[in-house]
């Protein structure tokens, strides 16, 4: 009876590990391991892009593969695969509410065959292979660091289990034709001395399933802690001001290797938004599709995105670093507008980058991302997040962020379409009567 119970626990565990019955049958693997449960499952069942499962402020230049799983005492997930060609890769773990637990970036992926192409000494090869192990985070506020090649998932709960998520991110896909599901890492489930290898899904699961699961998890948490969905904190959120996210980015499946500044704007017919700032230098890309380090780059990646600032926080459009137009001083000018309100000279100006407007009813959220700054480059969103959280107001946080980032801090202005057509961004700044503007905007 006890053996049968353990088999049932194992079957339920594996079902939750890989994510809600989607993809390829592997009952033969279970039978070979001594189990007789005809389960259907696969790895990485959900894909987030700007067109599929567009939720929680994604970057439209990235792909996010998500795998829900269940942690039990003594359980492990082993992710084994080949390095994907991209500007950036990472694997992150999250608790059931979308709060980050731990992550590992491509340059730190442990190699089991070949070399790591994301390191200066790496020699890209089709045989390069990594392996990352995920185990439950030990109890306590300061658990010991995990062994090399291992990262923590959510801790075991008092109820004997912990439901979490693993997300594989790929920014600026360098694969010919785009990364395919079959290229993703295999998942090896280890529990009670048994192991089962689970291949990537051949067919993705319906996106609504994961969104519904996440919403229900949050609803259950709010009901348990307060009897309903809690109202937002009484924080005055200014418009046209870039600030570090209030309360960081908890609950939105953040990328540990990105830090953000956000700016809220509202639609008004005939009105546009102009954003100015200095652009960091991204890395060059090798002929093999991997980023080259040590050649003057200031960070791994940056982008400016426009998003709908209402659940599920869909992205409207992003422009990645290499697609942003710059002036002779290395500064960008973004114009955010509807097709009707877009100034006629903005799309043709060699120093102006356009972004589409999102919702006309809800606020839009402009987001500046900085990823993996190089050593010594500190005028970044990372510095702003580290030094400007927990201040009395978001206005104070924005002022602090400006002091941290200096000329790399983005300044935003509302402007009428006709004003920009007549005098460009300088006319918009003058019309906004921005007394805080300095020479760094020139």
Protein backbone atom coordinates (compact mmCIF):
# COMPACT_ATOMS: atom_id res chain seq x y z
CA UNK A 1 0.00 0.00 0.00
CA UNK A 2 2.82 2.37 0.92
CA UNK A 3 4.62 1.56 -2.36
CA UNK A 4 1.47 2.29 -4.34
CA UNK A 5 1.07 5.60 -2.51
CA UNK A 6 4.62 6.56 -3.40
CA UNK A 7 3.88 5.74 -7.04
CA UNK A 8 0.81 7.98 -6.95
CA UNK A 9 2.86 10.81 -5.42
CA UNK A 10 5.51 10.31 -8.12
CA UNK A 11 2.90 10.35 -10.89
CA UNK A 12 1.31 13.53 -9.58
CA UNK A 13 4.74 15.08 -9.13
CA UNK A 14 5.83 14.40 -12.69
CA UNK A 15 2.49 15.66 -14.02
CA UNK A 16 2.94 19.00 -12.25
CA UNK A 17 6.66 19.15 -12.97
CA UNK A 18 6.22 19.46 -16.67
CA UNK A 19 3.00 21.33 -16.79
CA UNK A 20 -0.55 20.25 -17.08
CA UNK A 21 -0.72 17.52 -19.71
CA UNK A 22 0.52 19.07 -22.91
CA UNK A 23 2.59 17.64 -25.70
CA UNK A 24 4.18 14.26 -26.27
CA UNK A 25 3.30 10.96 -24.57
CA UNK A 26 6.04 9.39 -22.54
CA UNK A 27 4.15 6.61 -20.75
CA UNK A 28 6.68 4.11 -22.14
CA UNK A 29 9.41 5.86 -20.13
CA UNK A 30 7.34 5.58 -16.98
CA UNK A 31 6.59 1.92 -17.63
CA UNK A 32 10.30 1.24 -18.08
CA UNK A 33 10.91 2.92 -14.73
CA UNK A 34 8.40 0.61 -13.05
CA UNK A 35 5.28 2.78 -13.15
CA UNK A 36 1.99 2.10 -14.88
CA UNK A 37 0.50 5.58 -15.23
CA UNK A 38 -0.29 6.56 -18.85
CA UNK A 39 0.59 10.26 -18.55
CA UNK A 40 0.93 12.75 -21.39
CA UNK A 41 3.39 15.56 -20.80
CA UNK A 42 6.39 17.47 -22.16
CA UNK A 43 8.83 20.24 -21.35
CA UNK A 44 8.53 24.00 -21.91
CA UNK A 45 4.80 23.96 -22.75
CA UNK A 46 4.27 27.74 -22.81
CA UNK A 47 5.89 30.39 -25.00
CA UNK A 48 5.59 34.12 -24.33
CA UNK A 49 6.18 36.54 -27.20
CA UNK A 50 4.58 39.77 -28.38
CA UNK A 51 2.00 37.70 -30.27
CA UNK A 52 1.48 34.66 -28.02
CA UNK A 53 0.87 34.83 -24.25
CA UNK A 54 1.70 38.54 -24.31
CA UNK A 55 1.72 39.14 -20.54
CA UNK A 56 3.76 40.81 -17.76
CA UNK A 57 5.67 43.39 -19.82
CA UNK A 58 7.62 41.10 -22.19
CA UNK A 59 10.25 42.46 -24.55
CA UNK A 60 9.12 41.91 -28.15
CA UNK A 61 12.73 41.03 -29.09
CA UNK A 62 12.77 38.09 -26.68
CA UNK A 63 11.22 34.65 -26.27
CA UNK A 64 10.23 33.24 -22.89
CA UNK A 65 9.60 29.50 -22.52
CA UNK A 66 7.82 28.64 -19.26
CA UNK A 67 7.51 25.34 -17.41
CA UNK A 68 5.36 25.01 -14.26
CA UNK A 69 6.53 22.36 -11.82
CA UNK A 70 6.05 21.00 -8.32
CA UNK A 71 8.87 20.69 -5.77
CA UNK A 72 8.78 17.84 -3.26
CA UNK A 73 11.41 17.01 -0.60
CA UNK A 74 14.38 15.38 -2.30
CA UNK A 75 13.22 16.24 -5.82
CA UNK A 76 15.40 17.66 -8.59
CA UNK A 77 14.99 19.06 -12.06
CA UNK A 78 18.00 18.70 -14.36
CA UNK A 79 18.00 20.85 -17.52
CA UNK A 80 20.40 19.57 -20.16
CA UNK A 81 20.79 21.08 -23.60
CA UNK A 82 22.81 22.89 -26.24
CA UNK A 83 23.52 26.62 -26.16
CA UNK A 84 21.03 28.56 -28.29
CA UNK A 85 22.34 31.26 -30.60
CA UNK A 86 21.16 34.55 -29.11
CA UNK A 87 22.36 37.82 -27.66
CA UNK A 88 21.46 36.55 -24.20
CA UNK A 89 20.18 33.41 -22.47
CA UNK A 90 19.12 32.82 -18.89
CA UNK A 91 17.26 30.33 -16.74
CA UNK A 92 15.25 31.70 -13.81
CA UNK A 93 13.10 30.09 -11.15
CA UNK A 94 9.98 31.66 -9.60
CA UNK A 95 7.49 30.90 -6.88
CA UNK A 96 3.82 30.34 -7.68
CA UNK A 97 3.10 34.10 -7.48
CA UNK A 98 5.73 35.09 -10.02
CA UNK A 99 8.36 36.28 -7.54
CA UNK A 100 11.96 35.55 -8.53
CA UNK A 101 13.85 32.89 -6.58
CA UNK A 102 17.16 32.60 -8.44
CA UNK A 103 18.63 32.80 -11.92
CA UNK A 104 21.72 31.97 -13.93
CA UNK A 105 22.96 33.84 -17.03
CA UNK A 106 24.44 32.25 -20.15
CA UNK A 107 28.06 33.13 -19.34
CA UNK A 108 27.75 31.12 -16.12
CA UNK A 109 26.02 28.03 -17.56
CA UNK A 110 28.07 24.97 -16.48
CA UNK A 111 29.50 23.10 -19.47
CA UNK A 112 29.39 19.30 -19.70
CA UNK A 113 30.67 19.08 -23.28
CA UNK A 114 32.62 21.49 -25.47
CA UNK A 115 32.86 25.10 -24.30
CA UNK A 116 30.63 28.03 -23.35
CA UNK A 117 30.24 30.31 -26.42
CA UNK A 118 29.12 33.20 -24.20
CA UNK A 119 32.56 33.49 -22.60
CA UNK A 120 35.63 35.14 -24.19
CA UNK A 121 37.45 31.79 -24.25
CA UNK A 122 34.51 29.88 -25.73
CA UNK A 123 34.83 28.29 -29.15
CA UNK A 124 31.30 27.85 -30.54
CA UNK A 125 30.47 24.32 -31.63
CA UNK A 126 27.28 22.38 -32.29
CA UNK A 127 28.33 19.95 -29.54
CA UNK A 128 28.54 22.58 -26.78
CA UNK A 129 26.25 21.38 -23.99
CA UNK A 130 25.27 22.65 -20.54
CA UNK A 131 23.53 21.16 -17.51
CA UNK A 132 21.72 23.05 -14.74
CA UNK A 133 20.13 21.44 -11.69
CA UNK A 134 17.19 22.97 -9.79
CA UNK A 135 16.51 22.00 -6.18
CA UNK A 136 14.13 23.44 -3.54
CA UNK A 137 15.53 26.38 -1.62
CA UNK A 138 16.36 25.36 1.97
CA UNK A 139 14.32 26.89 4.76
CA UNK A 140 15.61 29.98 6.54
CA UNK A 141 16.50 33.54 5.60
CA UNK A 142 20.12 32.86 4.62
CA UNK A 143 20.53 29.37 3.16
CA UNK A 144 24.01 28.31 2.04
CA UNK A 145 24.91 28.82 -1.62
CA UNK A 146 23.93 25.85 -3.80
CA UNK A 147 26.65 23.64 -5.33
CA UNK A 148 28.17 24.76 -8.65
CA UNK A 149 25.77 24.23 -11.53
CA UNK A 150 22.74 24.24 -9.20
CA UNK A 151 20.17 26.97 -8.57
CA UNK A 152 17.34 27.12 -6.07
CA UNK A 153 13.67 26.87 -6.84
CA UNK A 154 10.93 27.84 -4.36
CA UNK A 155 11.24 26.36 -0.87
CA UNK A 156 9.15 23.44 0.29
CA UNK A 157 5.99 24.73 1.94
CA UNK A 158 4.60 23.55 5.31
CA UNK A 159 2.17 21.48 3.24
CA UNK A 160 4.95 19.27 1.84
CA UNK A 161 5.25 20.80 -1.61
CA UNK A 162 5.93 24.02 -3.50
CA UNK A 163 4.61 24.92 -6.92
CA UNK A 164 6.94 27.04 -9.03
CA UNK A 165 7.98 28.02 -12.54
CA UNK A 166 11.15 27.82 -14.63
CA UNK A 167 11.63 30.32 -17.45
CA UNK A 168 14.19 30.02 -20.25
CA UNK A 169 14.81 33.42 -21.88
CA UNK A 170 16.37 34.11 -25.26
CA UNK A 171 16.98 37.70 -26.39
CA UNK A 172 17.58 38.59 -30.05
CA UNK A 173 17.28 35.13 -31.55
CA UNK A 174 20.27 34.34 -33.76
CA UNK A 175 19.11 30.95 -34.98
CA UNK A 176 18.41 30.71 -38.72
CA UNK A 177 14.63 30.63 -38.97
CA UNK A 178 14.30 31.18 -35.21
CA UNK A 179 14.75 28.76 -32.31
CA UNK A 180 12.58 25.66 -32.59
CA UNK A 181 11.00 23.73 -29.73
CA UNK A 182 13.19 20.69 -30.45
CA UNK A 183 16.30 22.78 -29.73
CA UNK A 184 15.25 23.49 -26.13
CA UNK A 185 16.84 21.63 -23.20
CA UNK A 186 15.48 18.27 -22.12
CA UNK A 187 14.13 18.04 -18.59
CA UNK A 188 15.20 15.18 -16.34
CA UNK A 189 12.91 14.63 -13.36
CA UNK A 190 14.58 12.99 -10.35
CA UNK A 191 12.58 11.84 -7.34
CA UNK A 192 12.82 8.96 -4.87
CA UNK A 193 15.81 7.48 -6.68
CA UNK A 194 14.00 7.41 -10.02
CA UNK A 195 14.58 9.60 -13.06
CA UNK A 196 12.60 10.25 -16.22
CA UNK A 197 13.80 12.23 -19.24
CA UNK A 198 11.16 14.52 -20.71
CA UNK A 199 11.67 16.06 -24.17
CA UNK A 200 10.51 19.55 -25.16
CA UNK A 201 6.90 19.88 -26.28
CA UNK A 202 6.20 19.38 -29.94
CA UNK A 203 3.01 21.45 -29.64
CA UNK A 204 2.61 24.37 -27.25
CA UNK A 205 -0.17 24.40 -24.66
CA UNK A 206 -2.99 26.97 -24.87
CA UNK A 207 -1.72 30.27 -23.49
CA UNK A 208 -4.92 31.00 -21.60
CA UNK A 209 -4.27 28.00 -19.35
CA UNK A 210 -1.11 29.49 -17.84
CA UNK A 211 -2.61 32.97 -17.54
CA UNK A 212 -5.64 31.53 -15.73
CA UNK A 213 -3.41 29.50 -13.42
CA UNK A 214 -1.35 32.56 -12.49
CA UNK A 215 -4.44 34.68 -11.86
CA UNK A 216 -6.02 32.01 -9.66
CA UNK A 217 -2.80 31.62 -7.68
CA UNK A 218 -2.76 35.34 -6.93
CA UNK A 219 -6.47 35.41 -6.10
CA UNK A 220 -6.07 32.53 -3.66
CA UNK A 221 -3.13 34.29 -2.00
CA UNK A 222 -5.09 37.53 -1.59
CA UNK A 223 -8.12 35.72 -0.18
CA UNK A 224 -5.94 33.81 2.26
CA UNK A 225 -4.22 36.98 3.45
CA UNK A 226 -7.02 39.52 3.43
CA UNK A 227 -10.37 38.27 2.27
CA UNK A 228 -10.19 39.57 -1.28
CA UNK A 229 -8.01 41.17 -3.90
CA UNK A 230 -6.12 43.93 -2.11
CA UNK A 231 -6.41 47.51 -3.40
CA UNK A 232 -3.26 49.10 -4.78
CA UNK A 233 -0.97 50.90 -2.40
CA UNK A 234 -1.79 54.63 -2.08
CA UNK A 235 1.22 55.82 -4.07
CA UNK A 236 1.04 58.86 -6.30
CA UNK A 237 2.44 57.82 -9.68
CA UNK A 238 3.71 60.74 -11.75
CA UNK A 239 3.52 60.83 -15.53
CA UNK A 240 6.40 61.71 -17.87
CA UNK A 241 8.92 60.68 -15.22
CA UNK A 242 11.11 57.57 -15.44
CA UNK A 243 11.47 55.91 -12.04
CA UNK A 244 12.53 52.49 -10.69
CA UNK A 245 9.51 50.19 -10.30
CA UNK A 246 7.70 50.68 -7.02
CA UNK A 247 8.30 47.65 -4.76
CA UNK A 248 10.75 46.43 -7.39
CA UNK A 249 9.10 44.05 -9.90
CA UNK A 250 7.71 41.42 -7.56
CA UNK A 251 4.98 39.22 -8.96
CA UNK A 252 5.68 39.91 -12.64
CA UNK A 253 8.25 37.14 -13.36
CA UNK A 254 11.15 39.61 -13.60
CA UNK A 255 14.43 38.85 -15.32
CA UNK A 256 17.11 39.01 -12.62
CA UNK A 257 19.66 40.25 -15.15
CA UNK A 258 17.57 43.19 -16.38
CA UNK A 259 16.71 46.27 -14.37
CA UNK A 260 14.09 48.74 -15.42
CA UNK A 261 12.92 52.32 -15.35
CA UNK A 262 9.25 52.94 -16.06
CA UNK A 263 7.30 56.00 -17.20
CA UNK A 264 3.49 56.29 -17.37
CA UNK A 265 1.80 58.32 -20.10
CA UNK A 266 -1.85 58.94 -21.07
CA UNK A 267 -3.42 59.36 -24.48
CA UNK A 268 -4.83 62.63 -25.72
CA UNK A 269 -5.77 63.22 -29.38
CA UNK A 270 -3.05 65.07 -31.23
CA UNK A 271 -0.52 64.62 -28.43
CA UNK A 272 2.71 62.60 -28.65
CA UNK A 273 5.50 61.66 -26.23
CA UNK A 274 9.15 62.45 -26.92
CA UNK A 275 11.94 60.69 -24.98
CA UNK A 276 15.59 61.75 -25.00
CA UNK A 277 18.68 60.12 -23.52
CA UNK A 278 22.15 58.78 -24.22
CA UNK A 279 22.43 55.25 -25.57
CA UNK A 280 24.73 52.64 -23.99
CA UNK A 281 26.97 50.70 -26.38
CA UNK A 282 25.84 47.09 -27.01
CA UNK A 283 28.21 44.27 -27.98
CA UNK A 284 29.11 43.29 -31.51
CA UNK A 285 27.89 39.91 -32.71
CA UNK A 286 30.20 37.23 -34.07
CA UNK A 287 29.59 35.41 -37.35
CA UNK A 288 28.45 32.42 -35.28
CA UNK A 289 25.62 34.48 -33.76
CA UNK A 290 26.98 34.94 -30.24
CA UNK A 291 27.85 38.30 -28.62
CA UNK A 292 31.49 39.36 -28.58
CA UNK A 293 32.76 40.59 -25.23
CA UNK A 294 35.69 42.84 -24.39
CA UNK A 295 35.36 45.07 -27.46
CA UNK A 296 34.13 48.28 -25.90
CA UNK A 297 30.56 47.26 -25.11
CA UNK A 298 28.96 48.87 -22.05
CA UNK A 299 26.24 46.27 -21.47
CA UNK A 300 24.81 43.13 -23.04
CA UNK A 301 21.47 44.56 -24.19
CA UNK A 302 19.13 47.52 -23.83
CA UNK A 303 15.73 48.41 -25.23
CA UNK A 304 12.84 50.85 -24.98
CA UNK A 305 9.34 49.37 -24.94
CA UNK A 306 5.78 50.63 -24.83
CA UNK A 307 3.28 48.53 -22.88
CA UNK A 308 -0.35 48.68 -21.85
CA UNK A 309 -0.34 49.49 -18.15
CA UNK A 310 -3.31 47.26 -17.33
CA UNK A 311 -3.50 43.51 -16.66
CA UNK A 312 -2.16 41.39 -18.33
CA UNK A 313 0.41 44.14 -19.15
CA UNK A 314 0.91 43.36 -22.82
CA UNK A 315 3.77 44.83 -24.82
CA UNK A 316 2.82 47.06 -27.76
CA UNK A 317 6.24 47.52 -29.37
CA UNK A 318 9.93 47.47 -28.40
CA UNK A 319 13.00 48.76 -30.15
CA UNK A 320 16.22 46.90 -29.39
CA UNK A 321 19.52 48.71 -29.09
CA UNK A 322 20.87 48.04 -32.59
CA UNK A 323 17.61 49.32 -34.15
CA UNK A 324 17.64 52.65 -32.29
CA UNK A 325 18.71 55.66 -34.37
CA UNK A 326 21.26 57.98 -32.77
CA UNK A 327 22.48 61.51 -33.37
CA UNK A 328 26.14 62.52 -33.66
CA UNK A 329 26.44 62.60 -29.86
CA UNK A 330 25.15 59.05 -29.39
CA UNK A 331 21.77 60.23 -28.09
CA UNK A 332 18.39 58.82 -29.04
CA UNK A 333 15.05 60.50 -29.66
CA UNK A 334 11.94 58.32 -29.35
CA UNK A 335 8.57 59.52 -30.60
CA UNK A 336 5.62 57.57 -29.22
CA UNK A 337 2.36 58.19 -31.09
CA UNK A 338 -0.64 56.64 -32.77
CA UNK A 339 -0.49 56.27 -36.55
CA UNK A 340 -2.80 59.30 -36.89
CA UNK A 341 -0.76 61.47 -34.53
CA UNK A 342 2.72 60.46 -35.72
CA UNK A 343 4.58 63.58 -36.95
CA UNK A 344 5.24 63.40 -40.68
CA UNK A 345 8.98 64.03 -40.22
CA UNK A 346 9.54 61.47 -37.43
CA UNK A 347 9.75 58.24 -39.54
CA UNK A 348 12.21 59.79 -42.00
CA UNK A 349 14.47 61.58 -39.51
CA UNK A 350 17.76 59.60 -39.25
CA UNK A 351 18.02 60.47 -35.53
CA UNK A 352 14.44 59.59 -34.51
CA UNK A 353 13.03 56.18 -33.56
CA UNK A 354 9.28 55.72 -33.50
CA UNK A 355 7.18 53.59 -31.13
CA UNK A 356 3.52 52.73 -31.58
CA UNK A 357 0.97 53.93 -29.03
CA UNK A 358 -0.94 51.27 -27.11
CA UNK A 359 -4.25 51.58 -25.28
CA UNK A 360 -6.07 54.90 -25.60
CA UNK A 361 -8.19 54.15 -22.54
CA UNK A 362 -5.63 52.91 -20.01
CA UNK A 363 -2.22 54.44 -19.37
CA UNK A 364 0.77 53.28 -21.36
CA UNK A 365 4.01 52.30 -19.62
CA UNK A 366 7.33 53.10 -21.29
CA UNK A 367 10.07 50.79 -20.04
CA UNK A 368 13.84 51.21 -20.41
CA UNK A 369 15.79 47.96 -19.93
CA UNK A 370 19.49 47.58 -19.19
CA UNK A 371 21.00 44.08 -19.09
CA UNK A 372 24.32 42.88 -17.67
CA UNK A 373 26.40 46.09 -17.53
CA UNK A 374 30.13 45.71 -18.14
CA UNK A 375 32.51 46.20 -15.24
CA UNK A 376 32.99 49.91 -14.60
CA UNK A 377 29.82 51.03 -16.41
CA UNK A 378 27.65 52.26 -13.54
CA UNK A 379 25.35 54.93 -15.02
CA UNK A 380 22.67 52.29 -15.51
CA UNK A 381 19.19 51.26 -14.46
CA UNK A 382 20.93 48.76 -12.19
CA UNK A 383 22.46 51.64 -10.21
CA UNK A 384 19.10 53.42 -10.11
CA UNK A 385 17.32 50.33 -8.79
CA UNK A 386 20.01 49.62 -6.22
CA UNK A 387 20.19 53.14 -4.82
CA UNK A 388 16.74 54.63 -5.41
CA UNK A 389 14.28 52.11 -3.97
CA UNK A 390 12.25 52.80 -0.82
CA UNK A 391 12.28 56.60 -1.09
CA UNK A 392 9.30 58.64 0.20
CA UNK A 393 7.85 59.23 -3.27
CA UNK A 394 8.30 58.17 -6.87
CA UNK A 395 9.27 61.74 -7.73
CA UNK A 396 12.14 61.39 -5.29
CA UNK A 397 13.03 58.00 -6.82
CA UNK A 398 13.05 59.57 -10.29
CA UNK A 399 15.34 62.39 -9.15
CA UNK A 400 17.65 59.83 -7.58
CA UNK A 401 17.65 57.76 -10.78
CA UNK A 402 18.61 60.86 -12.80
CA UNK A 403 21.51 61.51 -10.42
CA UNK A 404 22.67 57.90 -10.76
CA UNK A 405 22.37 57.62 -14.54
CA UNK A 406 23.32 61.18 -15.55
CA UNK A 407 23.13 61.57 -19.36
CA UNK A 408 21.88 57.97 -19.71
CA UNK A 409 18.70 58.88 -17.83
CA UNK A 410 15.73 59.23 -20.24
CA UNK A 411 13.73 62.47 -20.16
CA UNK A 412 10.16 62.51 -21.49
CA UNK A 413 7.98 65.34 -22.81
CA UNK A 414 4.39 65.65 -23.94
CA UNK A 415 4.22 67.50 -27.25
CA UNK A 416 1.74 68.43 -29.95
CA UNK A 417 2.25 66.82 -33.33
CA UNK A 418 2.53 70.19 -35.09
CA UNK A 419 5.19 71.42 -32.64
CA UNK A 420 7.43 68.45 -33.38
CA UNK A 421 6.90 68.82 -37.13
CA UNK A 422 8.02 72.43 -36.87
CA UNK A 423 10.98 72.21 -34.52
CA UNK A 424 11.71 68.59 -33.53
CA UNK A 425 12.48 67.48 -30.00
CA UNK A 426 14.00 70.82 -28.97
CA UNK A 427 10.73 72.59 -29.70
CA UNK A 428 8.92 69.96 -27.64
CA UNK A 429 11.27 70.49 -24.71
CA UNK A 430 10.82 74.25 -24.91
CA UNK A 431 7.04 73.91 -25.10
CA UNK A 432 7.05 71.64 -22.04
CA UNK A 433 8.82 74.35 -19.99
CA UNK A 434 11.10 71.69 -18.52
CA UNK A 435 13.17 73.73 -16.10
CA UNK A 436 15.09 70.61 -15.10
CA UNK A 437 16.61 70.07 -18.54
CA UNK A 438 20.37 70.43 -18.77
CA UNK A 439 23.06 70.45 -21.41
CA UNK A 440 23.12 66.66 -21.32
CA UNK A 441 19.94 66.74 -23.43
CA UNK A 442 21.68 68.59 -26.29
